[in-house]
Amino acid sequence: MRNRIVREGLDRAIKSRPASFLVPDFAALVGVGNLEDDFDVIAEADWVIEVIVENLKVKRQLMERIDAVRKQGAIVSTNTSGIPVASIARASRKISDSISWGRTSSILHAT
């Protein structure tokens, strides 16, 4: 039940026109989850996309939790539109750089 909204969003992205996925088969590589039931998945993920409330304190706390379990080289991205990515990244001890990606998404890359 917790993943219903996210699952519905992914289903809409798969069906969207124009296509959200350049290669339709890549949609099968996307997994959905939530912080309550699926946090352990982050340890093996190559790319984690953070989509939580626009609150710097909350985002920093989440980045600290993610840092504690993610593997070396994993990419963490945030969908923030109003918080400077550098402010969020300060919570991460593994961040080597950050770049903007699109209008509302930013990528934080760990090395």
PDB file of N, CA and C in Angstrom:
ATOM      1  N   MET A   1       0.814  -1.193   0.000  1.00  0.00           N
ATOM      2  CA  MET A   1       0.000   0.000   0.000  1.00  0.00           C
ATOM      3  C   MET A   1       0.861   1.262   0.000  1.00  0.00           C
ATOM      4  N   ARG A   2       1.998   1.238   0.721  1.00  0.00           N
ATOM      5  CA  ARG A   2       2.844   2.439   0.800  1.00  0.00           C
ATOM      6  C   ARG A   2       3.429   2.831  -0.553  1.00  0.00           C
ATOM      7  N   ASN A   3       3.609   1.862  -1.439  1.00  0.00           N
ATOM      8  CA  ASN A   3       4.227   2.140  -2.733  1.00  0.00           C
ATOM      9  C   ASN A   3       3.212   2.437  -3.830  1.00  0.00           C
ATOM     10  N   ARG A   4       1.934   2.480  -3.502  1.00  0.00           N
ATOM     11  CA  ARG A   4       0.892   2.643  -4.511  1.00  0.00           C
ATOM     12  C   ARG A   4       1.089   3.907  -5.352  1.00  0.00           C
ATOM     13  N   ILE A   5       1.315   5.034  -4.728  1.00  0.00           N
ATOM     14  CA  ILE A   5       1.449   6.297  -5.458  1.00  0.00           C
ATOM     15  C   ILE A   5       2.672   6.264  -6.371  1.00  0.00           C
ATOM     16  N   VAL A   6       3.772   5.734  -5.853  1.00  0.00           N
ATOM     17  CA  VAL A   6       5.002   5.666  -6.646  1.00  0.00           C
ATOM     18  C   VAL A   6       4.830   4.684  -7.801  1.00  0.00           C
ATOM     19  N   ARG A   7       4.217   3.542  -7.530  1.00  0.00           N
ATOM     20  CA  ARG A   7       3.971   2.547  -8.582  1.00  0.00           C
ATOM     21  C   ARG A   7       3.096   3.151  -9.680  1.00  0.00           C
ATOM     22  N   GLU A   8       2.054   3.872  -9.294  1.00  0.00           N
ATOM     23  CA  GLU A   8       1.180   4.514 -10.278  1.00  0.00           C
ATOM     24  C   GLU A   8       1.944   5.538 -11.112  1.00  0.00           C
ATOM     25  N   GLY A   9       2.849   6.275 -10.489  1.00  0.00           N
ATOM     26  CA  GLY A   9       3.667   7.245 -11.224  1.00  0.00           C
ATOM     27  C   GLY A   9       4.572   6.565 -12.240  1.00  0.00           C
ATOM     28  N   LEU A  10       5.184   5.450 -11.830  1.00  0.00           N
ATOM     29  CA  LEU A  10       6.031   4.706 -12.767  1.00  0.00           C
ATOM     30  C   LEU A  10       5.193   4.147 -13.914  1.00  0.00           C
ATOM     31  N   ASP A  11       4.024   3.625 -13.608  1.00  0.00           N
ATOM     32  CA  ASP A  11       3.141   3.101 -14.665  1.00  0.00           C
ATOM     33  C   ASP A  11       2.768   4.196 -15.657  1.00  0.00           C
ATOM     34  N   ARG A  12       2.483   5.408 -15.143  1.00  0.00           N
ATOM     35  CA  ARG A  12       2.174   6.540 -16.043  1.00  0.00           C
ATOM     36  C   ARG A  12       3.386   6.886 -16.905  1.00  0.00           C
ATOM     37  N   ALA A  13       4.582   6.853 -16.314  1.00  0.00           N
ATOM     38  CA  ALA A  13       5.798   7.166 -17.079  1.00  0.00           C
ATOM     39  C   ALA A  13       6.020   6.138 -18.191  1.00  0.00           C
ATOM     40  N   ILE A  14       5.735   4.891 -17.893  1.00  0.00           N
ATOM     41  CA  ILE A  14       5.909   3.829 -18.899  1.00  0.00           C
ATOM     42  C   ILE A  14       4.950   4.030 -20.062  1.00  0.00           C
ATOM     43  N   LYS A  15       3.732   4.480 -19.789  1.00  0.00           N
ATOM     44  CA  LYS A  15       2.704   4.640 -20.815  1.00  0.00           C
ATOM     45  C   LYS A  15       2.714   6.016 -21.480  1.00  0.00           C
ATOM     46  N   SER A  16       3.495   6.950 -20.969  1.00  0.00           N
ATOM     47  CA  SER A  16       3.425   8.338 -21.445  1.00  0.00           C
ATOM     48  C   SER A  16       3.861   8.487 -22.900  1.00  0.00           C
ATOM     49  N   ARG A  17       3.279   9.491 -23.539  1.00  0.00           N
ATOM     50  CA  ARG A  17       3.628   9.880 -24.894  1.00  0.00           C
ATOM     51  C   ARG A  17       3.766  11.387 -24.897  1.00  0.00           C
ATOM     52  N   PRO A  18       4.898  11.945 -25.254  1.00  0.00           N
ATOM     53  CA  PRO A  18       6.090  11.230 -25.699  1.00  0.00           C
ATOM     54  C   PRO A  18       6.656  10.353 -24.573  1.00  0.00           C
ATOM     55  N   ALA A  19       7.421   9.391 -24.972  1.00  0.00           N
ATOM     56  CA  ALA A  19       7.932   8.385 -24.045  1.00  0.00           C
ATOM     57  C   ALA A  19       8.862   8.981 -23.000  1.00  0.00           C
ATOM     58  N   SER A  20       8.690   8.549 -21.762  1.00  0.00           N
ATOM     59  CA  SER A  20       9.590   8.972 -20.683  1.00  0.00           C
ATOM     60  C   SER A  20      10.894   8.183 -20.706  1.00  0.00           C
ATOM     61  N   PHE A  21      10.852   6.981 -21.244  1.00  0.00           N
ATOM     62  CA  PHE A  21      12.037   6.130 -21.341  1.00  0.00           C
ATOM     63  C   PHE A  21      12.476   6.075 -22.794  1.00  0.00           C
ATOM     64  N   LEU A  22      13.705   6.490 -23.055  1.00  0.00           N
ATOM     65  CA  LEU A  22      14.243   6.443 -24.408  1.00  0.00           C
ATOM     66  C   LEU A  22      14.226   5.014 -24.933  1.00  0.00           C
ATOM     67  N   VAL A  23      14.589   4.075 -24.076  1.00  0.00           N
ATOM     68  CA  VAL A  23      14.553   2.653 -24.407  1.00  0.00           C
ATOM     69  C   VAL A  23      13.493   2.026 -23.500  1.00  0.00           C
ATOM     70  N   PRO A  24      12.342   1.649 -24.030  1.00  0.00           N
ATOM     71  CA  PRO A  24      11.250   1.141 -23.195  1.00  0.00           C
ATOM     72  C   PRO A  24      11.652   0.000 -22.258  1.00  0.00           C
ATOM     73  N   ASP A  25      12.554  -0.853 -22.677  1.00  0.00           N
ATOM     74  CA  ASP A  25      12.970  -1.978 -21.831  1.00  0.00           C
ATOM     75  C   ASP A  25      13.682  -1.523 -20.560  1.00  0.00           C
ATOM     76  N   PHE A  26      14.207  -0.295 -20.557  1.00  0.00           N
ATOM     77  CA  PHE A  26      14.907   0.200 -19.370  1.00  0.00           C
ATOM     78  C   PHE A  26      13.965   0.409 -18.186  1.00  0.00           C
ATOM     79  N   ALA A  27      12.674   0.545 -18.451  1.00  0.00           N
ATOM     80  CA  ALA A  27      11.710   0.707 -17.366  1.00  0.00           C
ATOM     81  C   ALA A  27      11.775  -0.475 -16.396  1.00  0.00           C
ATOM     82  N   ALA A  28      12.133  -1.637 -16.895  1.00  0.00           N
ATOM     83  CA  ALA A  28      12.234  -2.823 -16.041  1.00  0.00           C
ATOM     84  C   ALA A  28      13.393  -2.712 -15.043  1.00  0.00           C
ATOM     85  N   LEU A  29      14.311  -1.782 -15.271  1.00  0.00           N
ATOM     86  CA  LEU A  29      15.443  -1.589 -14.368  1.00  0.00           C
ATOM     87  C   LEU A  29      15.109  -0.685 -13.183  1.00  0.00           C
ATOM     88  N   VAL A  30      13.941  -0.050 -13.230  1.00  0.00           N
ATOM     89  CA  VAL A  30      13.533   0.870 -12.179  1.00  0.00           C
ATOM     90  C   VAL A  30      12.742   0.113 -11.124  1.00  0.00           C
ATOM     91  N   GLY A  31      13.155   0.286  -9.873  1.00  0.00           N
ATOM     92  CA  GLY A  31      12.421  -0.310  -8.763  1.00  0.00           C
ATOM     93  C   GLY A  31      11.847   0.788  -7.894  1.00  0.00           C
ATOM     94  N   VAL A  32      10.698   0.534  -7.312  1.00  0.00           N
ATOM     95  CA  VAL A  32      10.092   1.507  -6.408  1.00  0.00           C
ATOM     96  C   VAL A  32      10.158   0.967  -4.988  1.00  0.00           C
ATOM     97  N   GLY A  33      10.139   1.858  -4.035  1.00  0.00           N
ATOM     98  CA  GLY A  33      10.188   1.441  -2.648  1.00  0.00           C
ATOM     99  C   GLY A  33       9.880   2.600  -1.730  1.00  0.00           C
ATOM    100  N   ASN A  34       9.995   2.335  -0.438  1.00  0.00           N
ATOM    101  CA  ASN A  34       9.752   3.378   0.548  1.00  0.00           C
ATOM    102  C   ASN A  34      10.745   3.216   1.691  1.00  0.00           C
ATOM    103  N   LEU A  35      10.883   4.250   2.476  1.00  0.00           N
ATOM    104  CA  LEU A  35      11.892   4.276   3.538  1.00  0.00           C
ATOM    105  C   LEU A  35      11.573   3.350   4.696  1.00  0.00           C
ATOM    106  N   GLU A  36      10.330   2.959   4.830  1.00  0.00           N
ATOM    107  CA  GLU A  36       9.946   2.068   5.926  1.00  0.00           C
ATOM    108  C   GLU A  36      10.260   0.605   5.605  1.00  0.00           C
ATOM    109  N   ASP A  37       9.891   0.180   4.414  1.00  0.00           N
ATOM    110  CA  ASP A  37       9.976  -1.238   4.069  1.00  0.00           C
ATOM    111  C   ASP A  37      11.224  -1.618   3.283  1.00  0.00           C
ATOM    112  N   ASP A  38      11.834  -0.667   2.603  1.00  0.00           N
ATOM    113  CA  ASP A  38      12.846  -1.013   1.604  1.00  0.00           C
ATOM    114  C   ASP A  38      14.188  -0.330   1.787  1.00  0.00           C
ATOM    115  N   PHE A  39      14.466   0.242   2.935  1.00  0.00           N
ATOM    116  CA  PHE A  39      15.699   1.017   3.105  1.00  0.00           C
ATOM    117  C   PHE A  39      16.948   0.177   2.856  1.00  0.00           C
ATOM    118  N   ASP A  40      16.906  -1.110   3.181  1.00  0.00           N
ATOM    119  CA  ASP A  40      18.071  -1.971   3.003  1.00  0.00           C
ATOM    120  C   ASP A  40      18.472  -2.134   1.540  1.00  0.00           C
ATOM    121  N   VAL A  41      17.567  -1.876   0.618  1.00  0.00           N
ATOM    122  CA  VAL A  41      17.860  -1.986  -0.814  1.00  0.00           C
ATOM    123  C   VAL A  41      18.917  -0.965  -1.225  1.00  0.00           C
ATOM    124  N   ILE A  42      18.980   0.149  -0.519  1.00  0.00           N
ATOM    125  CA  ILE A  42      19.928   1.218  -0.852  1.00  0.00           C
ATOM    126  C   ILE A  42      21.371   0.712  -0.838  1.00  0.00           C
ATOM    127  N   ALA A  43      21.664  -0.243   0.006  1.00  0.00           N
ATOM    128  CA  ALA A  43      23.037  -0.763   0.121  1.00  0.00           C
ATOM    129  C   ALA A  43      23.549  -1.357  -1.183  1.00  0.00           C
ATOM    130  N   GLU A  44      22.666  -1.851  -2.021  1.00  0.00           N
ATOM    131  CA  GLU A  44      23.073  -2.470  -3.292  1.00  0.00           C
ATOM    132  C   GLU A  44      22.733  -1.636  -4.513  1.00  0.00           C
ATOM    133  N   ALA A  45      22.036  -0.527  -4.312  1.00  0.00           N
ATOM    134  CA  ALA A  45      21.575   0.278  -5.444  1.00  0.00           C
ATOM    135  C   ALA A  45      22.732   1.031  -6.108  1.00  0.00           C
ATOM    136  N   ASP A  46      22.674   1.132  -7.414  1.00  0.00           N
ATOM    137  CA  ASP A  46      23.632   1.936  -8.172  1.00  0.00           C
ATOM    138  C   ASP A  46      23.199   3.399  -8.213  1.00  0.00           C
ATOM    139  N   TRP A  47      21.879   3.626  -8.133  1.00  0.00           N
ATOM    140  CA  TRP A  47      21.334   4.973  -8.219  1.00  0.00           C
ATOM    141  C   TRP A  47      20.131   5.072  -7.288  1.00  0.00           C
ATOM    142  N   VAL A  48      20.173   6.030  -6.395  1.00  0.00           N
ATOM    143  CA  VAL A  48      19.083   6.281  -5.453  1.00  0.00           C
ATOM    144  C   VAL A  48      18.503   7.645  -5.781  1.00  0.00           C
ATOM    145  N   ILE A  49      17.197   7.714  -5.981  1.00  0.00           N
ATOM    146  CA  ILE A  49      16.536   8.981  -6.265  1.00  0.00           C
ATOM    147  C   ILE A  49      15.696   9.352  -5.041  1.00  0.00           C
ATOM    148  N   GLU A  50      16.090  10.426  -4.397  1.00  0.00           N
ATOM    149  CA  GLU A  50      15.398  10.911  -3.192  1.00  0.00           C
ATOM    150  C   GLU A  50      14.260  11.830  -3.604  1.00  0.00           C
ATOM    151  N   VAL A  51      13.072  11.509  -3.118  1.00  0.00           N
ATOM    152  CA  VAL A  51      11.893  12.314  -3.407  1.00  0.00           C
ATOM    153  C   VAL A  51      11.106  12.436  -2.100  1.00  0.00           C
ATOM    154  N   ILE A  52      11.503  13.392  -1.263  1.00  0.00           N
ATOM    155  CA  ILE A  52      10.790  13.622  -0.011  1.00  0.00           C
ATOM    156  C   ILE A  52      10.465  15.108   0.113  1.00  0.00           C
ATOM    157  N   VAL A  53       9.839  15.464   1.185  1.00  0.00           N
ATOM    158  CA  VAL A  53       9.378  16.820   1.425  1.00  0.00           C
ATOM    159  C   VAL A  53      10.518  17.835   1.252  1.00  0.00           C
ATOM    160  N   GLU A  54      10.166  19.019   0.747  1.00  0.00           N
ATOM    161  CA  GLU A  54      11.136  20.099   0.546  1.00  0.00           C
ATOM    162  C   GLU A  54      11.464  20.757   1.879  1.00  0.00           C
ATOM    163  N   ASN A  55      12.290  20.091   2.650  1.00  0.00           N
ATOM    164  CA  ASN A  55      12.694  20.580   3.963  1.00  0.00           C
ATOM    165  C   ASN A  55      14.163  20.219   4.134  1.00  0.00           C
ATOM    166  N   LEU A  56      15.013  21.217   4.256  1.00  0.00           N
ATOM    167  CA  LEU A  56      16.455  20.988   4.310  1.00  0.00           C
ATOM    168  C   LEU A  56      16.838  20.033   5.436  1.00  0.00           C
ATOM    169  N   LYS A  57      16.304  20.227   6.609  1.00  0.00           N
ATOM    170  CA  LYS A  57      16.646  19.366   7.740  1.00  0.00           C
ATOM    171  C   LYS A  57      16.285  17.913   7.446  1.00  0.00           C
ATOM    172  N   VAL A  58      15.113  17.678   6.905  1.00  0.00           N
ATOM    173  CA  VAL A  58      14.656  16.315   6.599  1.00  0.00           C
ATOM    174  C   VAL A  58      15.530  15.698   5.510  1.00  0.00           C
ATOM    175  N   LYS A  59      15.846  16.474   4.471  1.00  0.00           N
ATOM    176  CA  LYS A  59      16.687  15.950   3.389  1.00  0.00           C
ATOM    177  C   LYS A  59      18.098  15.625   3.894  1.00  0.00           C
ATOM    178  N   ARG A  60      18.649  16.481   4.740  1.00  0.00           N
ATOM    179  CA  ARG A  60      19.982  16.203   5.290  1.00  0.00           C
ATOM    180  C   ARG A  60      19.975  14.944   6.150  1.00  0.00           C
ATOM    181  N   GLN A  61      18.944  14.781   6.965  1.00  0.00           N
ATOM    182  CA  GLN A  61      18.846  13.575   7.789  1.00  0.00           C
ATOM    183  C   GLN A  61      18.773  12.327   6.923  1.00  0.00           C
ATOM    184  N   LEU A  62      18.021  12.402   5.838  1.00  0.00           N
ATOM    185  CA  LEU A  62      17.933  11.258   4.935  1.00  0.00           C
ATOM    186  C   LEU A  62      19.279  10.986   4.276  1.00  0.00           C
ATOM    187  N   MET A  63      19.983  12.034   3.841  1.00  0.00           N
ATOM    188  CA  MET A  63      21.292  11.837   3.217  1.00  0.00           C
ATOM    189  C   MET A  63      22.265  11.157   4.184  1.00  0.00           C
ATOM    190  N   GLU A  64      22.202  11.514   5.454  1.00  0.00           N
ATOM    191  CA  GLU A  64      23.060  10.857   6.447  1.00  0.00           C
ATOM    192  C   GLU A  64      22.718   9.374   6.561  1.00  0.00           C
ATOM    193  N   ARG A  65      21.427   9.051   6.561  1.00  0.00           N
ATOM    194  CA  ARG A  65      21.015   7.636   6.618  1.00  0.00           C
ATOM    195  C   ARG A  65      21.472   6.880   5.379  1.00  0.00           C
ATOM    196  N   ILE A  66      21.319   7.513   4.221  1.00  0.00           N
ATOM    197  CA  ILE A  66      21.734   6.874   2.965  1.00  0.00           C
ATOM    198  C   ILE A  66      23.236   6.649   2.966  1.00  0.00           C
ATOM    199  N   ASP A  67      23.995   7.665   3.367  1.00  0.00           N
ATOM    200  CA  ASP A  67      25.460   7.544   3.423  1.00  0.00           C
ATOM    201  C   ASP A  67      25.919   6.360   4.266  1.00  0.00           C
ATOM    202  N   ALA A  68      25.196   6.090   5.320  1.00  0.00           N
ATOM    203  CA  ALA A  68      25.595   5.024   6.243  1.00  0.00           C
ATOM    204  C   ALA A  68      25.510   3.642   5.606  1.00  0.00           C
ATOM    205  N   VAL A  69      24.713   3.496   4.545  1.00  0.00           N
ATOM    206  CA  VAL A  69      24.513   2.153   3.979  1.00  0.00           C
ATOM    207  C   VAL A  69      24.879   2.014   2.503  1.00  0.00           C
ATOM    208  N   ARG A  70      24.980   3.113   1.775  1.00  0.00           N
ATOM    209  CA  ARG A  70      25.190   2.956   0.331  1.00  0.00           C
ATOM    210  C   ARG A  70      26.609   2.541  -0.008  1.00  0.00           C
ATOM    211  N   LYS A  71      26.712   1.886  -1.169  1.00  0.00           N
ATOM    212  CA  LYS A  71      28.018   1.406  -1.601  1.00  0.00           C
ATOM    213  C   LYS A  71      28.827   2.527  -2.248  1.00  0.00           C
ATOM    214  N   GLN A  72      30.114   2.321  -2.287  1.00  0.00           N
ATOM    215  CA  GLN A  72      31.032   3.265  -2.918  1.00  0.00           C
ATOM    216  C   GLN A  72      30.652   3.440  -4.384  1.00  0.00           C
ATOM    217  N   GLY A  73      30.580   4.680  -4.838  1.00  0.00           N
ATOM    218  CA  GLY A  73      30.279   4.962  -6.232  1.00  0.00           C
ATOM    219  C   GLY A  73      28.805   5.065  -6.569  1.00  0.00           C
ATOM    220  N   ALA A  74      27.928   4.792  -5.603  1.00  0.00           N
ATOM    221  CA  ALA A  74      26.498   4.907  -5.864  1.00  0.00           C
ATOM    222  C   ALA A  74      26.125   6.370  -6.112  1.00  0.00           C
ATOM    223  N   ILE A  75      25.182   6.580  -6.974  1.00  0.00           N
ATOM    224  CA  ILE A  75      24.707   7.915  -7.290  1.00  0.00           C
ATOM    225  C   ILE A  75      23.435   8.178  -6.491  1.00  0.00           C
ATOM    226  N   VAL A  76      23.380   9.327  -5.875  1.00  0.00           N
ATOM    227  CA  VAL A  76      22.176   9.750  -5.166  1.00  0.00           C
ATOM    228  C   VAL A  76      21.707  11.027  -5.828  1.00  0.00           C
ATOM    229  N   SER A  77      20.449  11.068  -6.212  1.00  0.00           N
ATOM    230  CA  SER A  77      19.922  12.293  -6.799  1.00  0.00           C
ATOM    231  C   SER A  77      18.758  12.791  -5.960  1.00  0.00           C
ATOM    232  N   THR A  78      18.555  14.087  -6.021  1.00  0.00           N
ATOM    233  CA  THR A  78      17.463  14.722  -5.294  1.00  0.00           C
ATOM    234  C   THR A  78      16.584  15.465  -6.275  1.00  0.00           C
ATOM    235  N   ASN A  79      15.297  15.488  -6.001  1.00  0.00           N
ATOM    236  CA  ASN A  79      14.389  16.208  -6.886  1.00  0.00           C
ATOM    237  C   ASN A  79      14.098  17.617  -6.392  1.00  0.00           C
ATOM    238  N   THR A  80      14.937  18.120  -5.516  1.00  0.00           N
ATOM    239  CA  THR A  80      14.689  19.444  -4.954  1.00  0.00           C
ATOM    240  C   THR A  80      14.576  20.510  -6.040  1.00  0.00           C
ATOM    241  N   SER A  81      13.672  21.435  -5.811  1.00  0.00           N
ATOM    242  CA  SER A  81      13.551  22.549  -6.748  1.00  0.00           C
ATOM    243  C   SER A  81      13.811  23.880  -6.052  1.00  0.00           C
ATOM    244  N   GLY A  82      13.839  23.874  -4.720  1.00  0.00           N
ATOM    245  CA  GLY A  82      13.998  25.131  -4.025  1.00  0.00           C
ATOM    246  C   GLY A  82      15.143  25.180  -3.035  1.00  0.00           C
ATOM    247  N   ILE A  83      15.796  24.053  -2.817  1.00  0.00           N
ATOM    248  CA  ILE A  83      16.902  24.007  -1.859  1.00  0.00           C
ATOM    249  C   ILE A  83      18.202  23.831  -2.635  1.00  0.00           C
ATOM    250  N   PRO A  84      19.206  24.662  -2.401  1.00  0.00           N
ATOM    251  CA  PRO A  84      20.479  24.478  -3.099  1.00  0.00           C
ATOM    252  C   PRO A  84      21.057  23.081  -2.831  1.00  0.00           C
ATOM    253  N   VAL A  85      21.467  22.413  -3.888  1.00  0.00           N
ATOM    254  CA  VAL A  85      22.002  21.060  -3.762  1.00  0.00           C
ATOM    255  C   VAL A  85      23.205  21.039  -2.820  1.00  0.00           C
ATOM    256  N   ALA A  86      24.026  22.070  -2.861  1.00  0.00           N
ATOM    257  CA  ALA A  86      25.199  22.124  -1.984  1.00  0.00           C
ATOM    258  C   ALA A  86      24.786  22.081  -0.516  1.00  0.00           C
ATOM    259  N   SER A  87      23.657  22.684  -0.191  1.00  0.00           N
ATOM    260  CA  SER A  87      23.180  22.666   1.194  1.00  0.00           C
ATOM    261  C   SER A  87      22.787  21.255   1.624  1.00  0.00           C
ATOM    262  N   ILE A  88      22.187  20.515   0.726  1.00  0.00           N
ATOM    263  CA  ILE A  88      21.811  19.129   1.020  1.00  0.00           C
ATOM    264  C   ILE A  88      23.067  18.266   1.093  1.00  0.00           C
ATOM    265  N   ALA A  89      23.982  18.487   0.172  1.00  0.00           N
ATOM    266  CA  ALA A  89      25.194  17.668   0.084  1.00  0.00           C
ATOM    267  C   ALA A  89      26.087  17.803   1.307  1.00  0.00           C
ATOM    268  N   ARG A  90      25.990  18.894   2.025  1.00  0.00           N
ATOM    269  CA  ARG A  90      26.828  19.070   3.215  1.00  0.00           C
ATOM    270  C   ARG A  90      26.582  17.976   4.250  1.00  0.00           C
ATOM    271  N   ALA A  91      25.446  17.314   4.175  1.00  0.00           N
ATOM    272  CA  ALA A  91      25.138  16.229   5.113  1.00  0.00           C
ATOM    273  C   ALA A  91      25.848  14.939   4.726  1.00  0.00           C
ATOM    274  N   SER A  92      26.408  14.899   3.523  1.00  0.00           N
ATOM    275  CA  SER A  92      27.044  13.686   3.023  1.00  0.00           C
ATOM    276  C   SER A  92      28.547  13.743   3.203  1.00  0.00           C
ATOM    277  N   ARG A  93      29.086  12.675   3.726  1.00  0.00           N
ATOM    278  CA  ARG A  93      30.545  12.577   3.877  1.00  0.00           C
ATOM    279  C   ARG A  93      31.183  11.955   2.640  1.00  0.00           C
ATOM    280  N   LYS A  94      30.376  11.417   1.733  1.00  0.00           N
ATOM    281  CA  LYS A  94      30.904  10.719   0.568  1.00  0.00           C
ATOM    282  C   LYS A  94      30.803  11.511  -0.730  1.00  0.00           C
ATOM    283  N   ILE A  95      30.210  12.667  -0.684  1.00  0.00           N
ATOM    284  CA  ILE A  95      29.995  13.438  -1.908  1.00  0.00           C
ATOM    285  C   ILE A  95      31.303  14.045  -2.402  1.00  0.00           C
ATOM    286  N   SER A  96      31.574  13.829  -3.687  1.00  0.00           N
ATOM    287  CA  SER A  96      32.777  14.427  -4.262  1.00  0.00           C
ATOM    288  C   SER A  96      32.433  15.607  -5.150  1.00  0.00           C
ATOM    289  N   ASP A  97      31.245  15.610  -5.695  1.00  0.00           N
ATOM    290  CA  ASP A  97      30.834  16.734  -6.532  1.00  0.00           C
ATOM    291  C   ASP A  97      29.319  16.695  -6.694  1.00  0.00           C
ATOM    292  N   SER A  98      28.776  17.760  -7.231  1.00  0.00           N
ATOM    293  CA  SER A  98      27.350  17.772  -7.532  1.00  0.00           C
ATOM    294  C   SER A  98      27.144  18.537  -8.823  1.00  0.00           C
ATOM    295  N   ILE A  99      26.148  18.119  -9.576  1.00  0.00           N
ATOM    296  CA  ILE A  99      25.822  18.795 -10.826  1.00  0.00           C
ATOM    297  C   ILE A  99      24.308  18.942 -10.922  1.00  0.00           C
ATOM    298  N   SER A 100      23.867  19.973 -11.604  1.00  0.00           N
ATOM    299  CA  SER A 100      22.435  20.133 -11.849  1.00  0.00           C
ATOM    300  C   SER A 100      22.033  19.231 -12.997  1.00  0.00           C
ATOM    301  N   TRP A 101      20.826  18.742 -12.908  1.00  0.00           N
ATOM    302  CA  TRP A 101      20.308  17.861 -13.951  1.00  0.00           C
ATOM    303  C   TRP A 101      18.858  18.222 -14.175  1.00  0.00           C
ATOM    304  N   GLY A 102      18.563  18.834 -15.285  1.00  0.00           N
ATOM    305  CA  GLY A 102      17.206  19.251 -15.577  1.00  0.00           C
ATOM    306  C   GLY A 102      16.803  20.444 -14.728  1.00  0.00           C
ATOM    307  N   ARG A 103      15.528  20.754 -14.712  1.00  0.00           N
ATOM    308  CA  ARG A 103      15.035  21.902 -13.961  1.00  0.00           C
ATOM    309  C   ARG A 103      14.863  21.611 -12.489  1.00  0.00           C
ATOM    310  N   THR A 104      14.413  20.388 -12.169  1.00  0.00           N
ATOM    311  CA  THR A 104      14.068  20.124 -10.775  1.00  0.00           C
ATOM    312  C   THR A 104      14.835  18.954 -10.175  1.00  0.00           C
ATOM    313  N   SER A 105      15.756  18.373 -10.910  1.00  0.00           N
ATOM    314  CA  SER A 105      16.500  17.247 -10.352  1.00  0.00           C
ATOM    315  C   SER A 105      17.974  17.578 -10.303  1.00  0.00           C
ATOM    316  N   SER A 106      18.623  17.088  -9.293  1.00  0.00           N
ATOM    317  CA  SER A 106      20.062  17.278  -9.158  1.00  0.00           C
ATOM    318  C   SER A 106      20.686  15.961  -8.781  1.00  0.00           C
ATOM    319  N   ILE A 107      21.899  15.754  -9.203  1.00  0.00           N
ATOM    320  CA  ILE A 107      22.598  14.511  -8.907  1.00  0.00           C
ATOM    321  C   ILE A 107      23.753  14.786  -7.983  1.00  0.00           C
ATOM    322  N   LEU A 108      23.881  13.961  -6.976  1.00  0.00           N
ATOM    323  CA  LEU A 108      25.012  13.987  -6.072  1.00  0.00           C
ATOM    324  C   LEU A 108      25.766  12.696  -6.339  1.00  0.00           C
ATOM    325  N   HIS A 109      27.017  12.749  -6.683  1.00  0.00           N
ATOM    326  CA  HIS A 109      27.769  11.549  -7.042  1.00  0.00           C
ATOM    327  C   HIS A 109      28.792  11.216  -5.964  1.00  0.00           C
ATOM    328  N   ALA A 110      28.737  10.014  -5.491  1.00  0.00           N
ATOM    329  CA  ALA A 110      29.680   9.579  -4.479  1.00  0.00           C
ATOM    330  C   ALA A 110      30.851   8.855  -5.124  1.00  0.00           C
ATOM    331  N   THR A 111      32.019   9.029  -4.573  1.00  0.00           N
ATOM    332  CA  THR A 111      33.185   8.299  -5.072  1.00  0.00           C
ATOM    333  C   THR A 111      33.739   7.418  -3.987  1.00  0.00           C
TER     334      THR A 111
END
